[in-house]
Amino acid sequence: MSDRRRGEVFCVGLAIQDTIFSVDEIPREPVKIYARERREVGGGPAATAAVAIARLGGRAAIAARIGADATGNAITDELGGEGIDTTWLRAFDNNRSPGAVILVDRHGERLIVAYVDPDTPTETDWLRPETLGGALLCDLSWPQGALACLQQAKREGIPSVLDAEITRHPREVVEPVIAGCDHVIFSRPGLAQFTETDSIEEGLRRARRPGHKVVGVTDGADGLYWLDGDALRNVRPPRVEVVDTVGAGDAFHGAFALALSHERELEETIRFANSVAALKCTVPGGRAGLPTPQALQRFDPELDLNWIAAR
């Protein structure tokens, strides 16, 4: 890979506007409660991964679908302000931008209610980037866009990463995306949904496809589990006092893709991504906790981050 492409990641999927409420407990029955704090921030797996990449010194581009409305303007402005290339952030007339309401309890756990306009066009004829850079990152929110870019990634010979979170799309729609990606990393709920089992090991075996280089699952404080041949392996992140888990999985995937774009070895990539996600959880406010290389080095002094500065 040329030095010019190292550190460049093309992200495809969801860009959304989040309203985050901090609460003592997440209700388990219909009731009126009052929040301690309210924040308006950008979210979405692909978009937050792009911000994580940019904060870590990489160069990120985002391809996503939004509405031509005030929410879409806010999404675009925030991503642009992070230094992300928004050339492929497409605003559609007569469609509403994605939005979510998130409750975060005092333990950092969250409940998310998301909305994506079902009439948003799915076509990809406008999605024609000249190059995807050094790596591709996708989520499952827009399978058609993910597939188009996965095909291009294979032509360009670059690695691809899939954030396989729980999805509203049927299995037959997401199956080609999961099968077509090199590094497929599920969330625990996403793995259970796709494989119809709560067992991590059995789920990963059911999810594994011939073209996969890595098939794994993130499981909160337990870190990443993945299949190494026939063996189930696990690497845990550093222990932290969790304040807010919103965006932690997105941060993991963004860091993972960034390290792959620099051609780092798998175990180094996993440790790097684990540390990024763990540090993010120590700060409230979704993307507010996404770290810089300097903050990450202070957090985990044994990490070798020279490759970030050398891009």
C-alpha atoms as a PDB file:
ATOM      1  CA  MET A   1       0.000   0.000   0.000  1.00  0.00           C
ATOM      2  CA  SER A   2       1.319   3.465  -0.845  1.00  0.00           C
ATOM      3  CA  ASP A   3       2.191   5.808   2.014  1.00  0.00           C
ATOM      4  CA  ARG A   4      -0.402   8.233   0.622  1.00  0.00           C
ATOM      5  CA  ARG A   5      -3.216   5.797   1.409  1.00  0.00           C
ATOM      6  CA  ARG A   6      -2.101   4.832   4.918  1.00  0.00           C
ATOM      7  CA  GLY A   7      -4.378   6.340   7.516  1.00  0.00           C
ATOM      8  CA  GLU A   8      -7.216   6.924   5.027  1.00  0.00           C
ATOM      9  CA  VAL A   9     -10.517   5.199   5.773  1.00  0.00           C
ATOM     10  CA  PHE A  10     -13.737   5.439   3.778  1.00  0.00           C
ATOM     11  CA  CYS A  11     -16.796   4.981   6.022  1.00  0.00           C
ATOM     12  CA  VAL A  12     -20.214   3.946   4.683  1.00  0.00           C
ATOM     13  CA  GLY A  13     -23.452   3.767   6.610  1.00  0.00           C
ATOM     14  CA  LEU A  14     -25.413   5.768   9.138  1.00  0.00           C
ATOM     15  CA  ALA A  15     -25.016   9.416  10.140  1.00  0.00           C
ATOM     16  CA  ILE A  16     -27.627  10.381  12.710  1.00  0.00           C
ATOM     17  CA  GLN A  17     -28.439  13.126  15.197  1.00  0.00           C
ATOM     18  CA  ASP A  18     -28.655  11.893  18.806  1.00  0.00           C
ATOM     19  CA  THR A  19     -30.481  13.451  21.725  1.00  0.00           C
ATOM     20  CA  ILE A  20     -28.855  11.966  24.838  1.00  0.00           C
ATOM     21  CA  PHE A  21     -30.568  12.112  28.236  1.00  0.00           C
ATOM     22  CA  SER A  22     -28.649  11.234  31.395  1.00  0.00           C
ATOM     23  CA  VAL A  23     -30.950   9.440  33.870  1.00  0.00           C
ATOM     24  CA  ASP A  24     -30.562   7.543  37.112  1.00  0.00           C
ATOM     25  CA  GLU A  25     -32.228   4.385  35.843  1.00  0.00           C
ATOM     26  CA  ILE A  26     -33.595   3.259  32.494  1.00  0.00           C
ATOM     27  CA  PRO A  27     -37.344   2.643  33.017  1.00  0.00           C
ATOM     28  CA  ARG A  28     -38.671  -0.887  32.649  1.00  0.00           C
ATOM     29  CA  GLU A  29     -42.317   0.184  32.501  1.00  0.00           C
ATOM     30  CA  PRO A  30     -44.263   3.167  31.095  1.00  0.00           C
ATOM     31  CA  VAL A  31     -43.514   6.138  33.405  1.00  0.00           C
ATOM     32  CA  LYS A  32     -42.523   9.814  33.358  1.00  0.00           C
ATOM     33  CA  ILE A  33     -38.963  10.553  34.489  1.00  0.00           C
ATOM     34  CA  TYR A  34     -36.668  13.587  34.561  1.00  0.00           C
ATOM     35  CA  ALA A  35     -33.169  13.694  33.102  1.00  0.00           C
ATOM     36  CA  ARG A  36     -30.112  15.141  34.829  1.00  0.00           C
ATOM     37  CA  GLU A  37     -28.662  16.365  31.548  1.00  0.00           C
ATOM     38  CA  ARG A  38     -29.494  16.656  27.840  1.00  0.00           C
ATOM     39  CA  ARG A  39     -27.037  16.726  24.938  1.00  0.00           C
ATOM     40  CA  GLU A  40     -27.450  17.044  21.168  1.00  0.00           C
ATOM     41  CA  VAL A  41     -24.632  15.244  19.350  1.00  0.00           C
ATOM     42  CA  GLY A  42     -24.005  13.433  16.107  1.00  0.00           C
ATOM     43  CA  GLY A  43     -24.077   9.651  16.093  1.00  0.00           C
ATOM     44  CA  GLY A  44     -24.384   6.585  13.890  1.00  0.00           C
ATOM     45  CA  PRO A  45     -21.885   3.700  13.644  1.00  0.00           C
ATOM     46  CA  ALA A  46     -20.128   4.775  10.440  1.00  0.00           C
ATOM     47  CA  ALA A  47     -20.185   8.496  11.236  1.00  0.00           C
ATOM     48  CA  THR A  48     -18.914   8.102  14.799  1.00  0.00           C
ATOM     49  CA  ALA A  49     -16.217   5.723  13.573  1.00  0.00           C
ATOM     50  CA  ALA A  50     -15.184   8.429  11.105  1.00  0.00           C
ATOM     51  CA  VAL A  51     -14.897  10.948  13.949  1.00  0.00           C
ATOM     52  CA  ALA A  52     -12.834   8.460  15.978  1.00  0.00           C
ATOM     53  CA  ILE A  53     -10.474   8.034  13.011  1.00  0.00           C
ATOM     54  CA  ALA A  54     -10.091  11.785  12.564  1.00  0.00           C
ATOM     55  CA  ARG A  55      -9.462  12.371  16.282  1.00  0.00           C
ATOM     56  CA  LEU A  56      -6.759   9.687  16.176  1.00  0.00           C
ATOM     57  CA  GLY A  57      -4.941  11.469  13.374  1.00  0.00           C
ATOM     58  CA  GLY A  58      -6.373   9.583  10.408  1.00  0.00           C
ATOM     59  CA  ARG A  59      -8.186  10.899   7.350  1.00  0.00           C
ATOM     60  CA  ALA A  60     -11.806   9.834   7.104  1.00  0.00           C
ATOM     61  CA  ALA A  61     -14.517  10.233   4.488  1.00  0.00           C
ATOM     62  CA  ILE A  62     -18.192   9.469   5.079  1.00  0.00           C
ATOM     63  CA  ALA A  63     -20.828   8.223   2.642  1.00  0.00           C
ATOM     64  CA  ALA A  64     -24.310   8.399   4.151  1.00  0.00           C
ATOM     65  CA  ARG A  65     -27.857   9.473   3.386  1.00  0.00           C
ATOM     66  CA  ILE A  66     -29.531  12.365   5.183  1.00  0.00           C
ATOM     67  CA  GLY A  67     -32.484  14.640   4.565  1.00  0.00           C
ATOM     68  CA  ALA A  68     -32.322  18.174   3.203  1.00  0.00           C
ATOM     69  CA  ASP A  69     -33.418  19.588   6.558  1.00  0.00           C
ATOM     70  CA  ALA A  70     -32.085  21.338   9.650  1.00  0.00           C
ATOM     71  CA  THR A  71     -31.027  18.042  11.218  1.00  0.00           C
ATOM     72  CA  GLY A  72     -29.100  17.143   8.083  1.00  0.00           C
ATOM     73  CA  ASN A  73     -27.365  20.514   8.171  1.00  0.00           C
ATOM     74  CA  ALA A  74     -26.339  19.912  11.793  1.00  0.00           C
ATOM     75  CA  ILE A  75     -24.980  16.455  10.937  1.00  0.00           C
ATOM     76  CA  THR A  76     -22.970  17.843   8.020  1.00  0.00           C
ATOM     77  CA  ASP A  77     -21.605  20.788   9.988  1.00  0.00           C
ATOM     78  CA  GLU A  78     -20.449  18.633  12.895  1.00  0.00           C
ATOM     79  CA  LEU A  79     -18.703  16.089  10.672  1.00  0.00           C
ATOM     80  CA  GLY A  80     -17.085  18.818   8.603  1.00  0.00           C
ATOM     81  CA  GLY A  81     -15.926  20.501  11.791  1.00  0.00           C
ATOM     82  CA  GLU A  82     -14.105  17.283  12.723  1.00  0.00           C
ATOM     83  CA  GLY A  83     -12.168  17.445   9.459  1.00  0.00           C
ATOM     84  CA  ILE A  84     -14.079  14.619   7.799  1.00  0.00           C
ATOM     85  CA  ASP A  85     -14.580  14.620   4.038  1.00  0.00           C
ATOM     86  CA  THR A  86     -18.355  14.983   3.551  1.00  0.00           C
ATOM     87  CA  THR A  87     -18.296  14.893  -0.266  1.00  0.00           C
ATOM     88  CA  TRP A  88     -20.370  11.678  -0.229  1.00  0.00           C
ATOM     89  CA  LEU A  89     -22.827  12.789   2.450  1.00  0.00           C
ATOM     90  CA  ARG A  90     -25.960  12.961   0.288  1.00  0.00           C
ATOM     91  CA  ALA A  91     -28.926  15.140   1.336  1.00  0.00           C
ATOM     92  CA  PHE A  92     -32.217  14.043  -0.249  1.00  0.00           C
ATOM     93  CA  ASP A  93     -35.126  16.402  -0.773  1.00  0.00           C
ATOM     94  CA  ASN A  94     -38.449  15.277   0.713  1.00  0.00           C
ATOM     95  CA  ASN A  95     -36.761  12.916   3.186  1.00  0.00           C
ATOM     96  CA  ARG A  96     -36.113  13.319   6.897  1.00  0.00           C
ATOM     97  CA  SER A  97     -32.674  12.927   8.438  1.00  0.00           C
ATOM     98  CA  PRO A  98     -32.075  10.059  10.866  1.00  0.00           C
ATOM     99  CA  GLY A  99     -32.484  10.788  14.563  1.00  0.00           C
ATOM    100  CA  ALA A 100     -32.328   8.955  17.893  1.00  0.00           C
ATOM    101  CA  VAL A 101     -33.218   9.427  21.536  1.00  0.00           C
ATOM    102  CA  ILE A 102     -30.765   7.769  23.939  1.00  0.00           C
ATOM    103  CA  LEU A 103     -31.144   7.209  27.672  1.00  0.00           C
ATOM    104  CA  VAL A 104     -27.860   6.714  29.571  1.00  0.00           C
ATOM    105  CA  ASP A 105     -28.087   5.518  33.172  1.00  0.00           C
ATOM    106  CA  ARG A 106     -25.626   6.152  36.020  1.00  0.00           C
ATOM    107  CA  HIS A 107     -23.752   2.933  35.144  1.00  0.00           C
ATOM    108  CA  GLY A 108     -23.117   4.112  31.580  1.00  0.00           C
ATOM    109  CA  GLU A 109     -25.538   1.654  29.976  1.00  0.00           C
ATOM    110  CA  ARG A 110     -27.920   2.950  27.320  1.00  0.00           C
ATOM    111  CA  LEU A 111     -31.289   2.508  25.680  1.00  0.00           C
ATOM    112  CA  ILE A 112     -31.528   3.733  22.078  1.00  0.00           C
ATOM    113  CA  VAL A 113     -34.653   4.535  20.075  1.00  0.00           C
ATOM    114  CA  ALA A 114     -33.615   5.336  16.502  1.00  0.00           C
ATOM    115  CA  TYR A 115     -35.539   6.555  13.474  1.00  0.00           C
ATOM    116  CA  VAL A 116     -34.511   6.296   9.832  1.00  0.00           C
ATOM    117  CA  ASP A 117     -36.895   7.558   7.147  1.00  0.00           C
ATOM    118  CA  PRO A 118     -38.092   4.368   5.392  1.00  0.00           C
ATOM    119  CA  ASP A 119     -38.543   6.297   2.140  1.00  0.00           C
ATOM    120  CA  THR A 120     -34.890   7.337   1.898  1.00  0.00           C
ATOM    121  CA  PRO A 121     -33.557   6.174  -1.503  1.00  0.00           C
ATOM    122  CA  THR A 122     -31.286   3.116  -1.420  1.00  0.00           C
ATOM    123  CA  GLU A 123     -29.763   3.473  -4.903  1.00  0.00           C
ATOM    124  CA  THR A 124     -25.983   3.805  -5.214  1.00  0.00           C
ATOM    125  CA  ASP A 125     -25.580   5.216  -8.727  1.00  0.00           C
ATOM    126  CA  TRP A 126     -24.273   8.491  -7.225  1.00  0.00           C
ATOM    127  CA  LEU A 127     -21.716   6.758  -4.976  1.00  0.00           C
ATOM    128  CA  ARG A 128     -18.590   6.787  -7.138  1.00  0.00           C
ATOM    129  CA  PRO A 129     -15.493   7.730  -5.088  1.00  0.00           C
ATOM    130  CA  GLU A 130     -12.254   7.677  -7.056  1.00  0.00           C
ATOM    131  CA  THR A 131     -10.552   5.679  -4.288  1.00  0.00           C
ATOM    132  CA  LEU A 132     -11.434   4.336  -0.850  1.00  0.00           C
ATOM    133  CA  GLY A 133      -8.004   5.040   0.589  1.00  0.00           C
ATOM    134  CA  GLY A 134      -6.350   2.473   2.818  1.00  0.00           C
ATOM    135  CA  ALA A 135      -9.374   0.717   4.343  1.00  0.00           C
ATOM    136  CA  LEU A 136     -13.157   0.540   4.146  1.00  0.00           C
ATOM    137  CA  LEU A 137     -15.537   0.594   7.119  1.00  0.00           C
ATOM    138  CA  CYS A 138     -19.243  -0.241   6.742  1.00  0.00           C
ATOM    139  CA  ASP A 139     -22.256  -0.701   8.959  1.00  0.00           C
ATOM    140  CA  LEU A 140     -25.529  -2.494   8.156  1.00  0.00           C
ATOM    141  CA  SER A 141     -27.798   0.546   7.912  1.00  0.00           C
ATOM    142  CA  TRP A 142     -27.478   0.845   4.118  1.00  0.00           C
ATOM    143  CA  PRO A 143     -26.684  -2.612   2.694  1.00  0.00           C
ATOM    144  CA  GLN A 144     -26.730  -1.425  -0.920  1.00  0.00           C
ATOM    145  CA  GLY A 145     -24.087   1.238  -0.249  1.00  0.00           C
ATOM    146  CA  ALA A 146     -21.993  -1.193   1.764  1.00  0.00           C
ATOM    147  CA  LEU A 147     -22.059  -3.791  -1.030  1.00  0.00           C
ATOM    148  CA  ALA A 148     -21.095  -1.271  -3.705  1.00  0.00           C
ATOM    149  CA  CYS A 149     -18.095  -0.142  -1.670  1.00  0.00           C
ATOM    150  CA  LEU A 150     -17.118  -3.681  -0.663  1.00  0.00           C
ATOM    151  CA  GLN A 151     -16.872  -4.559  -4.348  1.00  0.00           C
ATOM    152  CA  GLN A 152     -14.668  -1.519  -4.914  1.00  0.00           C
ATOM    153  CA  ALA A 153     -12.504  -2.401  -1.892  1.00  0.00           C
ATOM    154  CA  LYS A 154     -11.844  -5.833  -3.378  1.00  0.00           C
ATOM    155  CA  ARG A 155     -10.851  -4.235  -6.685  1.00  0.00           C
ATOM    156  CA  GLU A 156      -8.487  -1.891  -4.861  1.00  0.00           C
ATOM    157  CA  GLY A 157      -7.079  -4.680  -2.689  1.00  0.00           C
ATOM    158  CA  ILE A 158      -7.723  -2.946   0.635  1.00  0.00           C
ATOM    159  CA  PRO A 159      -9.102  -4.404   3.886  1.00  0.00           C
ATOM    160  CA  SER A 160     -12.727  -3.976   4.886  1.00  0.00           C
ATOM    161  CA  VAL A 161     -14.323  -3.840   8.328  1.00  0.00           C
ATOM    162  CA  LEU A 162     -18.003  -4.371   9.111  1.00  0.00           C
ATOM    163  CA  ASP A 163     -19.727  -3.052  12.223  1.00  0.00           C
ATOM    164  CA  ALA A 164     -22.378  -5.768  12.425  1.00  0.00           C
ATOM    165  CA  GLU A 165     -24.773  -4.207  14.923  1.00  0.00           C
ATOM    166  CA  ILE A 166     -28.401  -5.207  15.356  1.00  0.00           C
ATOM    167  CA  THR A 167     -30.264  -4.269  12.169  1.00  0.00           C
ATOM    168  CA  ARG A 168     -33.795  -3.603  10.932  1.00  0.00           C
ATOM    169  CA  HIS A 169     -33.038  -5.311   7.603  1.00  0.00           C
ATOM    170  CA  PRO A 170     -33.985  -8.962   6.959  1.00  0.00           C
ATOM    171  CA  ARG A 171     -31.313 -11.639   6.994  1.00  0.00           C
ATOM    172  CA  GLU A 172     -31.321 -12.147   3.226  1.00  0.00           C
ATOM    173  CA  VAL A 173     -30.446  -8.459   2.748  1.00  0.00           C
ATOM    174  CA  VAL A 174     -27.534  -8.320   5.212  1.00  0.00           C
ATOM    175  CA  GLU A 175     -26.142 -11.796   4.437  1.00  0.00           C
ATOM    176  CA  PRO A 176     -24.227 -10.629   1.297  1.00  0.00           C
ATOM    177  CA  VAL A 177     -22.691  -7.737   3.241  1.00  0.00           C
ATOM    178  CA  ILE A 178     -21.534 -10.011   6.057  1.00  0.00           C
ATOM    179  CA  ALA A 179     -20.212 -12.582   3.591  1.00  0.00           C
ATOM    180  CA  GLY A 180     -18.455  -9.948   1.469  1.00  0.00           C
ATOM    181  CA  CYS A 181     -16.412  -8.281   4.202  1.00  0.00           C
ATOM    182  CA  ASP A 182     -12.900  -9.296   5.353  1.00  0.00           C
ATOM    183  CA  HIS A 183     -13.161  -8.373   9.041  1.00  0.00           C
ATOM    184  CA  VAL A 184     -16.668  -8.809  10.478  1.00  0.00           C
ATOM    185  CA  ILE A 185     -17.055  -7.667  14.073  1.00  0.00           C
ATOM    186  CA  PHE A 186     -20.509  -8.046  15.590  1.00  0.00           C
ATOM    187  CA  SER A 187     -21.978  -6.479  18.664  1.00  0.00           C
ATOM    188  CA  ARG A 188     -23.335  -9.098  21.077  1.00  0.00           C
ATOM    189  CA  PRO A 189     -26.972  -8.299  20.139  1.00  0.00           C
ATOM    190  CA  GLY A 190     -26.056  -8.202  16.446  1.00  0.00           C
ATOM    191  CA  LEU A 191     -24.467 -11.648  16.618  1.00  0.00           C
ATOM    192  CA  ALA A 192     -27.472 -13.094  18.456  1.00  0.00           C
ATOM    193  CA  GLN A 193     -29.863 -11.595  15.909  1.00  0.00           C
ATOM    194  CA  PHE A 194     -27.957 -12.931  12.892  1.00  0.00           C
ATOM    195  CA  THR A 195     -27.144 -16.400  14.241  1.00  0.00           C
ATOM    196  CA  GLU A 196     -30.161 -17.016  16.491  1.00  0.00           C
ATOM    197  CA  THR A 197     -28.064 -18.108  19.461  1.00  0.00           C
ATOM    198  CA  ASP A 198     -26.856 -16.380  22.627  1.00  0.00           C
ATOM    199  CA  SER A 199     -23.645 -18.412  22.648  1.00  0.00           C
ATOM    200  CA  ILE A 200     -20.640 -16.380  21.524  1.00  0.00           C
ATOM    201  CA  GLU A 201     -18.619 -19.347  20.278  1.00  0.00           C
ATOM    202  CA  GLU A 202     -21.509 -21.050  18.497  1.00  0.00           C
ATOM    203  CA  GLY A 203     -22.655 -17.718  17.073  1.00  0.00           C
ATOM    204  CA  LEU A 204     -19.227 -16.950  15.619  1.00  0.00           C
ATOM    205  CA  ARG A 205     -19.037 -20.422  14.076  1.00  0.00           C
ATOM    206  CA  ARG A 206     -22.441 -19.952  12.471  1.00  0.00           C
ATOM    207  CA  ALA A 207     -21.501 -16.465  11.226  1.00  0.00           C
ATOM    208  CA  ARG A 208     -18.096 -17.365   9.763  1.00  0.00           C
ATOM    209  CA  ARG A 209     -17.863 -17.378   5.975  1.00  0.00           C
ATOM    210  CA  PRO A 210     -15.025 -18.565   3.673  1.00  0.00           C
ATOM    211  CA  GLY A 211     -13.829 -15.049   2.830  1.00  0.00           C
ATOM    212  CA  HIS A 212     -13.487 -13.841   6.414  1.00  0.00           C
ATOM    213  CA  LYS A 213     -10.065 -12.963   7.784  1.00  0.00           C
ATOM    214  CA  VAL A 214     -11.579 -12.143  11.168  1.00  0.00           C
ATOM    215  CA  VAL A 215     -15.026 -12.877  12.561  1.00  0.00           C
ATOM    216  CA  GLY A 216     -15.481 -11.578  16.086  1.00  0.00           C
ATOM    217  CA  VAL A 217     -17.814  -9.958  18.585  1.00  0.00           C
ATOM    218  CA  THR A 218     -17.359  -7.141  21.078  1.00  0.00           C
ATOM    219  CA  ASP A 219     -18.827  -7.823  24.511  1.00  0.00           C
ATOM    220  CA  GLY A 220     -18.457  -4.691  26.623  1.00  0.00           C
ATOM    221  CA  ALA A 221     -15.889  -4.978  29.414  1.00  0.00           C
ATOM    222  CA  ASP A 222     -14.957  -8.470  28.183  1.00  0.00           C
ATOM    223  CA  GLY A 223     -13.516  -6.981  24.994  1.00  0.00           C
ATOM    224  CA  LEU A 224     -13.222  -8.866  21.703  1.00  0.00           C
ATOM    225  CA  TYR A 225     -13.820 -12.558  21.111  1.00  0.00           C
ATOM    226  CA  TRP A 226     -12.818 -13.996  17.746  1.00  0.00           C
ATOM    227  CA  LEU A 227     -12.159 -17.310  16.065  1.00  0.00           C
ATOM    228  CA  ASP A 228      -8.514 -18.176  15.450  1.00  0.00           C
ATOM    229  CA  GLY A 229      -8.894 -21.282  13.333  1.00  0.00           C
ATOM    230  CA  ASP A 230     -10.953 -23.589  15.556  1.00  0.00           C
ATOM    231  CA  ALA A 231     -10.015 -21.792  18.777  1.00  0.00           C
ATOM    232  CA  LEU A 232     -12.042 -19.051  20.451  1.00  0.00           C
ATOM    233  CA  ARG A 233      -9.752 -16.237  21.564  1.00  0.00           C
ATOM    234  CA  ASN A 234     -10.369 -13.178  23.717  1.00  0.00           C
ATOM    235  CA  VAL A 235      -8.543  -9.940  24.500  1.00  0.00           C
ATOM    236  CA  ARG A 236      -9.961  -7.701  27.197  1.00  0.00           C
ATOM    237  CA  PRO A 237      -9.615  -3.901  27.264  1.00  0.00           C
ATOM    238  CA  PRO A 238      -8.058  -1.950  30.143  1.00  0.00           C
ATOM    239  CA  ARG A 239     -10.403  -1.635  33.108  1.00  0.00           C
ATOM    240  CA  VAL A 240     -12.033   1.774  33.478  1.00  0.00           C
ATOM    241  CA  GLU A 241     -14.783   3.439  35.434  1.00  0.00           C
ATOM    242  CA  VAL A 242     -17.569   3.454  32.862  1.00  0.00           C
ATOM    243  CA  VAL A 243     -19.530   6.701  32.514  1.00  0.00           C
ATOM    244  CA  ASP A 244     -21.066   6.409  29.028  1.00  0.00           C
ATOM    245  CA  THR A 245     -20.966   3.493  26.588  1.00  0.00           C
ATOM    246  CA  VAL A 246     -22.642   5.396  23.721  1.00  0.00           C
ATOM    247  CA  GLY A 247     -20.366   5.116  20.690  1.00  0.00           C
ATOM    248  CA  ALA A 248     -17.893   2.692  22.294  1.00  0.00           C
ATOM    249  CA  GLY A 249     -18.457   0.032  19.642  1.00  0.00           C
ATOM    250  CA  ASP A 250     -18.213   2.640  16.902  1.00  0.00           C
ATOM    251  CA  ALA A 251     -14.910   3.848  18.368  1.00  0.00           C
ATOM    252  CA  PHE A 252     -13.628   0.257  18.412  1.00  0.00           C
ATOM    253  CA  HIS A 253     -14.480  -0.288  14.757  1.00  0.00           C
ATOM    254  CA  GLY A 254     -13.015   3.054  13.670  1.00  0.00           C
ATOM    255  CA  ALA A 255      -9.753   2.382  15.488  1.00  0.00           C
ATOM    256  CA  PHE A 256      -9.650  -1.159  14.094  1.00  0.00           C
ATOM    257  CA  ALA A 257     -10.062   0.102  10.515  1.00  0.00           C
ATOM    258  CA  LEU A 258      -7.466   2.837  11.038  1.00  0.00           C
ATOM    259  CA  ALA A 259      -4.894   0.330  12.264  1.00  0.00           C
ATOM    260  CA  LEU A 260      -5.624  -1.970   9.313  1.00  0.00           C
ATOM    261  CA  SER A 261      -5.087   0.943   6.920  1.00  0.00           C
ATOM    262  CA  HIS A 262      -1.588   1.183   8.415  1.00  0.00           C
ATOM    263  CA  GLU A 263      -1.122  -2.579   7.945  1.00  0.00           C
ATOM    264  CA  ARG A 264      -0.674  -3.272  11.660  1.00  0.00           C
ATOM    265  CA  GLU A 265      -0.698  -6.862  12.917  1.00  0.00           C
ATOM    266  CA  LEU A 266      -3.995  -8.253  14.177  1.00  0.00           C
ATOM    267  CA  GLU A 267      -3.198  -8.457  17.902  1.00  0.00           C
ATOM    268  CA  GLU A 268      -1.776  -4.929  17.912  1.00  0.00           C
ATOM    269  CA  THR A 269      -4.886  -3.758  16.065  1.00  0.00           C
ATOM    270  CA  ILE A 270      -7.151  -5.377  18.654  1.00  0.00           C
ATOM    271  CA  ARG A 271      -5.267  -3.906  21.603  1.00  0.00           C
ATOM    272  CA  PHE A 272      -5.317  -0.456  20.026  1.00  0.00           C
ATOM    273  CA  ALA A 273      -9.065  -0.643  19.319  1.00  0.00           C
ATOM    274  CA  ASN A 274      -9.781  -1.972  22.823  1.00  0.00           C
ATOM    275  CA  SER A 275      -7.946   0.943  24.431  1.00  0.00           C
ATOM    276  CA  VAL A 276      -9.705   3.521  22.250  1.00  0.00           C
ATOM    277  CA  ALA A 277     -13.128   2.113  23.138  1.00  0.00           C
ATOM    278  CA  ALA A 278     -12.313   1.833  26.852  1.00  0.00           C
ATOM    279  CA  LEU A 279     -11.070   5.420  27.103  1.00  0.00           C
ATOM    280  CA  LYS A 280     -14.159   6.678  25.253  1.00  0.00           C
ATOM    281  CA  CYS A 281     -16.343   5.148  27.985  1.00  0.00           C
ATOM    282  CA  THR A 282     -14.799   7.361  30.682  1.00  0.00           C
ATOM    283  CA  VAL A 283     -16.308  10.597  29.332  1.00  0.00           C
ATOM    284  CA  PRO A 284     -20.052  11.397  29.037  1.00  0.00           C
ATOM    285  CA  GLY A 285     -21.620  12.688  25.853  1.00  0.00           C
ATOM    286  CA  GLY A 286     -21.196  10.137  23.070  1.00  0.00           C
ATOM    287  CA  ARG A 287     -18.452  11.450  20.783  1.00  0.00           C
ATOM    288  CA  ALA A 288     -17.052  13.711  23.496  1.00  0.00           C
ATOM    289  CA  GLY A 289     -14.988  10.798  24.788  1.00  0.00           C
ATOM    290  CA  LEU A 290     -13.330   9.894  21.479  1.00  0.00           C
ATOM    291  CA  PRO A 291      -9.612  10.275  22.219  1.00  0.00           C
ATOM    292  CA  THR A 292      -6.647  11.927  20.531  1.00  0.00           C
ATOM    293  CA  PRO A 293      -3.352  10.008  20.210  1.00  0.00           C
ATOM    294  CA  GLN A 294      -1.939  12.082  23.074  1.00  0.00           C
ATOM    295  CA  ALA A 295      -4.817  11.178  25.405  1.00  0.00           C
ATOM    296  CA  LEU A 296      -4.567   7.528  24.370  1.00  0.00           C
ATOM    297  CA  GLN A 297      -0.825   7.443  25.059  1.00  0.00           C
ATOM    298  CA  ARG A 298      -1.364   8.862  28.561  1.00  0.00           C
ATOM    299  CA  PHE A 299      -4.086   6.291  29.166  1.00  0.00           C
ATOM    300  CA  ASP A 300      -2.051   3.301  27.929  1.00  0.00           C
ATOM    301  CA  PRO A 301       1.670   4.242  27.914  1.00  0.00           C
ATOM    302  CA  GLU A 302       2.708   0.816  26.615  1.00  0.00           C
ATOM    303  CA  LEU A 303       0.910   1.337  23.292  1.00  0.00           C
ATOM    304  CA  ASP A 304       3.213   1.960  20.338  1.00  0.00           C
ATOM    305  CA  LEU A 305       1.608   4.860  18.481  1.00  0.00           C
ATOM    306  CA  ASN A 306       4.595   5.886  16.374  1.00  0.00           C
ATOM    307  CA  TRP A 307       2.848   4.546  13.305  1.00  0.00           C
ATOM    308  CA  ILE A 308       0.121   7.184  13.675  1.00  0.00           C
ATOM    309  CA  ALA A 309       2.644  10.038  13.619  1.00  0.00           C
ATOM    310  CA  ALA A 310       4.550   8.410  10.764  1.00  0.00           C
ATOM    311  CA  ARG A 311       1.701   8.321   8.276  1.00  0.00           C
END
